[in-house]
PDB file of N, CA and C in Angstrom:
ATOM      1  N   MET A   1       1.089  -1.057  -0.260  1.00  0.00           N
ATOM      2  CA  MET A   1       0.173   0.383   0.247  1.00  0.00           C
ATOM      3  C   MET A   1       0.843   1.179   0.080  1.00  0.00           C
ATOM      4  N   ASP A   2       0.427   2.024  -0.780  1.00  0.00           N
ATOM      5  CA  ASP A   2       1.473   3.530  -1.046  1.00  0.00           C
ATOM      6  C   ASP A   2       1.150   4.130   0.277  1.00  0.00           C
ATOM      7  N   GLN A   3       2.260   5.468   0.214  1.00  0.00           N
ATOM      8  CA  GLN A   3       1.319   6.490   1.535  1.00  0.00           C
ATOM      9  C   GLN A   3       0.618   7.035   0.561  1.00  0.00           C
ATOM     10  N   GLN A   4      -0.379   7.886  -0.786  1.00  0.00           N
ATOM     11  CA  GLN A   4      -1.322   8.310  -0.489  1.00  0.00           C
ATOM     12  C   GLN A   4      -2.396   6.968   0.055  1.00  0.00           C
ATOM     13  N   THR A   5      -2.326   6.111  -0.549  1.00  0.00           N
ATOM     14  CA  THR A   5      -3.154   4.865   0.068  1.00  0.00           C
ATOM     15  C   THR A   5      -3.643   4.964   1.711  1.00  0.00           C
ATOM     16  N   GLN A   6      -2.167   4.516   2.103  1.00  0.00           N
ATOM     17  CA  GLN A   6      -2.417   5.097   3.198  1.00  0.00           C
ATOM     18  C   GLN A   6      -3.249   5.909   3.970  1.00  0.00           C
ATOM     19  N   ASN A   7      -3.564   7.493   3.662  1.00  0.00           N
ATOM     20  CA  ASN A   7      -3.797   8.060   4.312  1.00  0.00           C
ATOM     21  C   ASN A   7      -4.762   8.732   3.903  1.00  0.00           C
ATOM     22  N   ASP A   8      -5.525   7.480   2.693  1.00  0.00           N
ATOM     23  CA  ASP A   8      -6.896   7.912   2.407  1.00  0.00           C
ATOM     24  C   ASP A   8      -8.157   8.213   2.959  1.00  0.00           C
ATOM     25  N   THR A   9      -8.656   9.058   3.284  1.00  0.00           N
ATOM     26  CA  THR A   9      -9.692   9.057   4.178  1.00  0.00           C
ATOM     27  C   THR A   9     -10.527   8.141   3.973  1.00  0.00           C
ATOM     28  N   VAL A  10     -11.342   7.652   2.895  1.00  0.00           N
ATOM     29  CA  VAL A  10     -12.462   7.165   1.622  1.00  0.00           C
ATOM     30  C   VAL A  10     -12.093   6.141   1.929  1.00  0.00           C
ATOM     31  N   GLN A  11     -10.815   5.463   1.217  1.00  0.00           N
ATOM     32  CA  GLN A  11     -10.291   4.547   0.281  1.00  0.00           C
ATOM     33  C   GLN A  11     -10.043   3.637   1.894  1.00  0.00           C
ATOM     34  N   HIS A  12      -9.302   4.163   2.303  1.00  0.00           N
ATOM     35  CA  HIS A  12      -8.267   3.147   3.131  1.00  0.00           C
ATOM     36  C   HIS A  12      -8.032   4.353   4.730  1.00  0.00           C
ATOM     37  N   PRO A  13      -9.250   5.098   5.379  1.00  0.00           N
ATOM     38  CA  PRO A  13      -8.401   5.379   6.396  1.00  0.00           C
ATOM     39  C   PRO A  13      -8.095   4.508   7.675  1.00  0.00           C
ATOM     40  N   ALA A  14      -6.757   5.322   7.997  1.00  0.00           N
ATOM     41  CA  ALA A  14      -5.733   4.923   8.931  1.00  0.00           C
ATOM     42  C   ALA A  14      -5.978   4.011  10.082  1.00  0.00           C
ATOM     43  N   HIS A  15      -7.316   4.250  10.262  1.00  0.00           N
ATOM     44  CA  HIS A  15      -7.797   3.914  11.757  1.00  0.00           C
ATOM     45  C   HIS A  15      -8.869   3.207  11.409  1.00  0.00           C
ATOM     46  N   TYR A  16      -8.629   2.292  10.317  1.00  0.00           N
ATOM     47  CA  TYR A  16      -9.412   1.114   9.316  1.00  0.00           C
ATOM     48  C   TYR A  16      -8.556   0.339   9.462  1.00  0.00           C
ATOM     49  N   THR A  17      -6.620   0.453   9.536  1.00  0.00           N
ATOM     50  CA  THR A  17      -5.693  -0.514   8.742  1.00  0.00           C
ATOM     51  C   THR A  17      -4.657  -0.808   9.888  1.00  0.00           C
ATOM     52  N   GLN A  18      -5.896  -1.048  10.808  1.00  0.00           N
ATOM     53  CA  GLN A  18      -4.360  -1.436  11.718  1.00  0.00           C
ATOM     54  C   GLN A  18      -3.815  -3.426  11.912  1.00  0.00           C
ATOM     55  N   SER A  19      -2.079  -3.577  11.619  1.00  0.00           N
ATOM     56  CA  SER A  19      -1.801  -4.477  12.494  1.00  0.00           C
ATOM     57  C   SER A  19      -1.874  -5.280  10.690  1.00  0.00           C
ATOM     58  N   GLY A  20      -2.104  -4.361   9.924  1.00  0.00           N
ATOM     59  CA  GLY A  20      -1.584  -5.025   8.797  1.00  0.00           C
ATOM     60  C   GLY A  20      -2.921  -5.886   8.171  1.00  0.00           C
ATOM     61  N   VAL A  21      -4.117  -5.563   8.657  1.00  0.00           N
ATOM     62  CA  VAL A  21      -6.060  -6.570   9.225  1.00  0.00           C
ATOM     63  C   VAL A  21      -6.446  -5.146   8.409  1.00  0.00           C
ATOM     64  N   GLU A  22      -7.071  -5.046   7.163  1.00  0.00           N
ATOM     65  CA  GLU A  22      -8.247  -3.841   7.368  1.00  0.00           C
ATOM     66  C   GLU A  22      -9.516  -4.324   8.364  1.00  0.00           C
ATOM     67  N   CYS A  23     -10.235  -3.319   8.707  1.00  0.00           N
ATOM     68  CA  CYS A  23     -11.457  -3.860   9.668  1.00  0.00           C
ATOM     69  C   CYS A  23     -12.383  -4.598   8.758  1.00  0.00           C
ATOM     70  N   ILE A  24     -12.449  -3.909   7.465  1.00  0.00           N
ATOM     71  CA  ILE A  24     -13.869  -4.558   6.408  1.00  0.00           C
ATOM     72  C   ILE A  24     -14.104  -5.754   5.875  1.00  0.00           C
ATOM     73  N   GLU A  25     -12.525  -5.940   6.023  1.00  0.00           N
ATOM     74  CA  GLU A  25     -12.134  -7.540   5.733  1.00  0.00           C
ATOM     75  C   GLU A  25     -12.703  -8.753   6.975  1.00  0.00           C
ATOM     76  N   ALA A  26     -11.673  -8.032   7.706  1.00  0.00           N
ATOM     77  CA  ALA A  26     -12.543  -8.757   9.555  1.00  0.00           C
ATOM     78  C   ALA A  26     -13.744  -8.673   9.343  1.00  0.00           C
ATOM     79  N   ILE A  27     -14.760  -7.968   9.027  1.00  0.00           N
ATOM     80  CA  ILE A  27     -16.327  -8.208   9.616  1.00  0.00           C
ATOM     81  C   ILE A  27     -16.575  -8.849   8.398  1.00  0.00           C
ATOM     82  N   GLU A  28     -16.368  -8.623   6.820  1.00  0.00           N
ATOM     83  CA  GLU A  28     -16.604  -9.500   5.561  1.00  0.00           C
ATOM     84  C   GLU A  28     -16.345 -11.412   5.931  1.00  0.00           C
ATOM     85  N   ALA A  29     -14.956 -11.740   6.696  1.00  0.00           N
ATOM     86  CA  ALA A  29     -14.799 -12.893   7.490  1.00  0.00           C
ATOM     87  C   ALA A  29     -16.041 -13.106   8.726  1.00  0.00           C
ATOM     88  N   ALA A  30     -16.291 -12.455   9.375  1.00  0.00           N
ATOM     89  CA  ALA A  30     -16.997 -12.392  10.338  1.00  0.00           C
ATOM     90  C   ALA A  30     -18.677 -12.672  10.062  1.00  0.00           C
ATOM     91  N   LEU A  31     -19.159 -11.447   8.981  1.00  0.00           N
ATOM     92  CA  LEU A  31     -20.504 -12.093   8.761  1.00  0.00           C
ATOM     93  C   LEU A  31     -20.685 -12.611   7.674  1.00  0.00           C
ATOM     94  N   GLY A  32     -19.978 -13.102   6.815  1.00  0.00           N
ATOM     95  CA  GLY A  32     -20.672 -13.810   5.865  1.00  0.00           C
ATOM     96  C   GLY A  32     -20.954 -13.591   4.748  1.00  0.00           C
ATOM     97  N   GLU A  33     -21.384 -14.105   3.436  1.00  0.00           N
ATOM     98  CA  GLU A  33     -21.282 -13.196   2.764  1.00  0.00           C
ATOM     99  C   GLU A  33     -23.027 -12.620   2.707  1.00  0.00           C
ATOM    100  N   GLU A  34     -24.066 -12.772   2.618  1.00  0.00           N
ATOM    101  CA  GLU A  34     -25.495 -12.505   2.616  1.00  0.00           C
ATOM    102  C   GLU A  34     -25.483 -11.173   4.030  1.00  0.00           C
ATOM    103  N   GLN A  35     -24.740 -11.331   4.821  1.00  0.00           N
ATOM    104  CA  GLN A  35     -24.860 -10.392   6.466  1.00  0.00           C
ATOM    105  C   GLN A  35     -23.424  -9.357   5.811  1.00  0.00           C
ATOM    106  N   PHE A  36     -22.748 -10.047   5.378  1.00  0.00           N
ATOM    107  CA  PHE A  36     -21.788  -8.670   5.029  1.00  0.00           C
ATOM    108  C   PHE A  36     -22.419  -7.669   3.717  1.00  0.00           C
ATOM    109  N   LYS A  37     -23.132  -7.904   2.669  1.00  0.00           N
ATOM    110  CA  LYS A  37     -23.932  -7.113   1.666  1.00  0.00           C
ATOM    111  C   LYS A  37     -25.147  -6.603   2.493  1.00  0.00           C
ATOM    112  N   GLY A  38     -25.846  -7.117   3.732  1.00  0.00           N
ATOM    113  CA  GLY A  38     -26.585  -6.102   4.379  1.00  0.00           C
ATOM    114  C   GLY A  38     -25.658  -4.779   5.104  1.00  0.00           C
ATOM    115  N   TYR A  39     -24.661  -5.522   5.560  1.00  0.00           N
ATOM    116  CA  TYR A  39     -24.010  -4.114   6.192  1.00  0.00           C
ATOM    117  C   TYR A  39     -23.566  -2.998   5.341  1.00  0.00           C
ATOM    118  N   LEU A  40     -22.890  -4.124   3.795  1.00  0.00           N
ATOM    119  CA  LEU A  40     -22.927  -2.551   2.979  1.00  0.00           C
ATOM    120  C   LEU A  40     -24.326  -1.663   2.751  1.00  0.00           C
ATOM    121  N   ARG A  41     -24.809  -2.438   2.169  1.00  0.00           N
ATOM    122  CA  ARG A  41     -26.245  -1.428   2.431  1.00  0.00           C
ATOM    123  C   ARG A  41     -26.370  -0.474   3.278  1.00  0.00           C
ATOM    124  N   GLY A  42     -26.823  -1.164   4.682  1.00  0.00           N
ATOM    125  CA  GLY A  42     -26.918   0.014   5.464  1.00  0.00           C
ATOM    126  C   GLY A  42     -25.711   1.296   5.719  1.00  0.00           C
ATOM    127  N   ASN A  43     -24.439   0.851   5.297  1.00  0.00           N
ATOM    128  CA  ASN A  43     -23.870   2.150   5.366  1.00  0.00           C
ATOM    129  C   ASN A  43     -23.591   2.871   4.245  1.00  0.00           C
ATOM    130  N   ILE A  44     -24.025   2.315   2.906  1.00  0.00           N
ATOM    131  CA  ILE A  44     -24.678   3.607   1.744  1.00  0.00           C
ATOM    132  C   ILE A  44     -25.544   3.915   2.532  1.00  0.00           C
ATOM    133  N   MET A  45     -26.898   4.130   3.499  1.00  0.00           N
ATOM    134  CA  MET A  45     -27.891   4.619   3.756  1.00  0.00           C
ATOM    135  C   MET A  45     -27.054   5.568   4.446  1.00  0.00           C
ATOM    136  N   LYS A  46     -26.349   5.191   5.610  1.00  0.00           N
ATOM    137  CA  LYS A  46     -26.453   5.996   6.413  1.00  0.00           C
ATOM    138  C   LYS A  46     -26.052   6.865   5.673  1.00  0.00           C
ATOM    139  N   TYR A  47     -24.772   6.892   4.763  1.00  0.00           N
ATOM    140  CA  TYR A  47     -23.707   7.558   4.114  1.00  0.00           C
ATOM    141  C   TYR A  47     -24.806   8.811   3.742  1.00  0.00           C
ATOM    142  N   LEU A  48     -25.382   8.142   2.493  1.00  0.00           N
ATOM    143  CA  LEU A  48     -26.678   9.228   1.860  1.00  0.00           C
ATOM    144  C   LEU A  48     -27.381  10.209   2.581  1.00  0.00           C
ATOM    145  N   TRP A  49     -27.631   9.520   3.938  1.00  0.00           N
ATOM    146  CA  TRP A  49     -28.835  10.407   4.792  1.00  0.00           C
ATOM    147  C   TRP A  49     -28.461  11.527   5.525  1.00  0.00           C
ATOM    148  N   ARG A  50     -26.957  11.520   6.078  1.00  0.00           N
ATOM    149  CA  ARG A  50     -26.045  12.545   6.565  1.00  0.00           C
ATOM    150  C   ARG A  50     -25.317  13.323   5.900  1.00  0.00           C
ATOM    151  N   TYR A  51     -24.886  12.951   4.671  1.00  0.00           N
ATOM    152  CA  TYR A  51     -23.637  13.999   4.016  1.00  0.00           C
ATOM    153  C   TYR A  51     -24.697  15.506   3.601  1.00  0.00           C
ATOM    154  N   PRO A  52     -25.636  15.528   3.895  1.00  0.00           N
ATOM    155  CA  PRO A  52     -26.270  17.373   3.934  1.00  0.00           C
ATOM    156  C   PRO A  52     -25.797  17.937   5.085  1.00  0.00           C
ATOM    157  N   TYR A  53     -25.893  16.853   6.281  1.00  0.00           N
ATOM    158  CA  TYR A  53     -25.399  16.891   7.759  1.00  0.00           C
ATOM    159  C   TYR A  53     -24.713  17.292   8.111  1.00  0.00           C
ATOM    160  N   LYS A  54     -23.428  16.493   7.428  1.00  0.00           N
ATOM    161  CA  LYS A  54     -22.164  15.806   8.231  1.00  0.00           C
ATOM    162  C   LYS A  54     -21.225  16.178   7.295  1.00  0.00           C
ATOM    163  N   ASN A  55     -20.438  15.979   6.568  1.00  0.00           N
ATOM    164  CA  ASN A  55     -19.120  16.100   5.500  1.00  0.00           C
ATOM    165  C   ASN A  55     -19.261  16.150   4.324  1.00  0.00           C
ATOM    166  N   GLY A  56     -20.482  16.803   3.718  1.00  0.00           N
ATOM    167  CA  GLY A  56     -21.258  16.875   2.184  1.00  0.00           C
ATOM    168  C   GLY A  56     -20.336  15.720   1.266  1.00  0.00           C
ATOM    169  N   SER A  57     -19.761  15.466   0.405  1.00  0.00           N
ATOM    170  CA  SER A  57     -19.092  15.528  -0.469  1.00  0.00           C
ATOM    171  C   SER A  57     -18.293  14.025  -0.197  1.00  0.00           C
ATOM    172  N   GLU A  58     -17.567  14.109   1.293  1.00  0.00           N
ATOM    173  CA  GLU A  58     -16.562  13.337   1.628  1.00  0.00           C
ATOM    174  C   GLU A  58     -18.004  11.929   2.279  1.00  0.00           C
ATOM    175  N   ASP A  59     -18.882  11.844   2.134  1.00  0.00           N
ATOM    176  CA  ASP A  59     -19.890  11.239   2.745  1.00  0.00           C
ATOM    177  C   ASP A  59     -19.976  10.599   1.747  1.00  0.00           C
ATOM    178  N   LEU A  60     -20.899  11.144   0.702  1.00  0.00           N
ATOM    179  CA  LEU A  60     -20.577  10.946  -0.651  1.00  0.00           C
ATOM    180  C   LEU A  60     -20.295  10.110  -1.059  1.00  0.00           C
ATOM    181  N   LYS A  61     -18.968  10.078  -1.416  1.00  0.00           N
ATOM    182  CA  LYS A  61     -17.619   9.062  -1.412  1.00  0.00           C
ATOM    183  C   LYS A  61     -17.548   8.193  -0.585  1.00  0.00           C
ATOM    184  N   LYS A  62     -17.912   8.064   0.275  1.00  0.00           N
ATOM    185  CA  LYS A  62     -18.032   7.041   1.314  1.00  0.00           C
ATOM    186  C   LYS A  62     -19.095   6.113   1.413  1.00  0.00           C
ATOM    187  N   ALA A  63     -20.079   7.295   0.635  1.00  0.00           N
ATOM    188  CA  ALA A  63     -21.247   6.040   0.157  1.00  0.00           C
ATOM    189  C   ALA A  63     -20.878   5.149  -1.050  1.00  0.00           C
ATOM    190  N   HIS A  64     -20.246   6.017  -2.192  1.00  0.00           N
ATOM    191  CA  HIS A  64     -19.819   5.315  -3.164  1.00  0.00           C
ATOM    192  C   HIS A  64     -18.664   4.092  -2.799  1.00  0.00           C
ATOM    193  N   TRP A  65     -18.022   4.120  -2.094  1.00  0.00           N
ATOM    194  CA  TRP A  65     -16.919   2.936  -1.824  1.00  0.00           C
ATOM    195  C   TRP A  65     -17.910   1.896  -1.637  1.00  0.00           C
ATOM    196  N   TYR A  66     -19.253   1.935  -0.647  1.00  0.00           N
ATOM    197  CA  TYR A  66     -19.887   0.923  -0.365  1.00  0.00           C
ATOM    198  C   TYR A  66     -20.562   0.680  -1.513  1.00  0.00           C
ATOM    199  N   LEU A  67     -20.424   0.986  -2.330  1.00  0.00           N
ATOM    200  CA  LEU A  67     -21.904   1.106  -3.709  1.00  0.00           C
ATOM    201  C   LEU A  67     -20.950  -0.346  -4.333  1.00  0.00           C
ATOM    202  N   HIS A  68     -19.888   0.388  -4.501  1.00  0.00           N
ATOM    203  CA  HIS A  68     -18.857  -0.430  -5.300  1.00  0.00           C
ATOM    204  C   HIS A  68     -18.283  -1.576  -4.459  1.00  0.00           C
ATOM    205  N   ASN A  69     -18.440  -1.658  -3.257  1.00  0.00           N
ATOM    206  CA  ASN A  69     -17.768  -3.352  -2.530  1.00  0.00           C
ATOM    207  C   ASN A  69     -19.072  -3.790  -2.898  1.00  0.00           C
ATOM    208  N   LEU A  70     -20.287  -3.548  -2.524  1.00  0.00           N
ATOM    209  CA  LEU A  70     -21.577  -4.031  -2.520  1.00  0.00           C
ATOM    210  C   LEU A  70     -21.495  -4.794  -3.838  1.00  0.00           C
ATOM    211  N   ILE A  71     -21.458  -4.336  -5.479  1.00  0.00           N
ATOM    212  CA  ILE A  71     -21.521  -4.565  -6.752  1.00  0.00           C
ATOM    213  C   ILE A  71     -21.010  -5.299  -6.587  1.00  0.00           C
ATOM    214  N   ALA A  72     -19.338  -5.395  -6.267  1.00  0.00           N
ATOM    215  CA  ALA A  72     -18.350  -6.584  -6.260  1.00  0.00           C
ATOM    216  C   ALA A  72     -19.105  -7.963  -5.613  1.00  0.00           C
ATOM    217  N   ALA A  73     -19.022  -7.711  -4.454  1.00  0.00           N
ATOM    218  CA  ALA A  73     -19.841  -8.874  -3.547  1.00  0.00           C
ATOM    219  C   ALA A  73     -20.987  -9.622  -4.060  1.00  0.00           C
ATOM    220  N   GLU A  74     -21.495  -8.633  -4.643  1.00  0.00           N
ATOM    221  CA  GLU A  74     -22.750  -9.340  -5.830  1.00  0.00           C
ATOM    222  C   GLU A  74     -22.307 -10.142  -7.050  1.00  0.00           C
ATOM    223  N   GLY A  75     -21.481  -9.602  -7.274  1.00  0.00           N
ATOM    224  CA  GLY A  75     -20.382 -10.062  -8.150  1.00  0.00           C
ATOM    225  C   GLY A  75     -19.234 -11.079  -8.438  1.00  0.00           C
ATOM    226  N   GLY A  76     -19.599 -11.808  -7.077  1.00  0.00           N
ATOM    227  CA  GLY A  76     -18.857 -12.913  -6.320  1.00  0.00           C
ATOM    228  C   GLY A  76     -17.677 -12.545  -6.053  1.00  0.00           C
ATOM    229  N   VAL A  77     -16.737 -11.090  -5.693  1.00  0.00           N
ATOM    230  CA  VAL A  77     -15.869 -10.739  -5.603  1.00  0.00           C
ATOM    231  C   VAL A  77     -15.745 -10.558  -4.073  1.00  0.00           C
ATOM    232  N   ARG A  78     -14.960 -10.851  -3.274  1.00  0.00           N
ATOM    233  CA  ARG A  78     -14.200 -10.214  -2.186  1.00  0.00           C
ATOM    234  C   ARG A  78     -14.149  -8.771  -2.073  1.00  0.00           C
ATOM    235  N   HIS A  79     -13.349  -7.904  -1.243  1.00  0.00           N
ATOM    236  CA  HIS A  79     -13.857  -6.347  -0.711  1.00  0.00           C
ATOM    237  C   HIS A  79     -12.513  -6.292  -1.830  1.00  0.00           C
ATOM    238  N   ALA A  80     -13.363  -4.987  -2.767  1.00  0.00           N
ATOM    239  CA  ALA A  80     -12.779  -4.261  -4.006  1.00  0.00           C
ATOM    240  C   ALA A  80     -12.475  -3.454  -3.416  1.00  0.00           C
ATOM    241  N   ASP A  81     -11.356  -2.760  -4.225  1.00  0.00           N
ATOM    242  CA  ASP A  81     -10.957  -1.187  -4.169  1.00  0.00           C
ATOM    243  C   ASP A  81     -10.850  -0.488  -4.919  1.00  0.00           C
TER     244      ASP A  81
END
């Protein structure tokens, strides 16, 4: 992972990439396929709901990131960048 990717607050927030394991990957492994898709959907909804009131376009980017991963999961692909 390069320095720019390490500091990315949307794709790879530093607080979610401790000890070489990304939190999203641990969640996916713990939940299984269908529950993980529900988790992704919930986060998409959360970020779309709050973007006008909290972080604006950053929340839209986060919703997009979760949507991208949901699309990948629907295609049978694990966590996508």
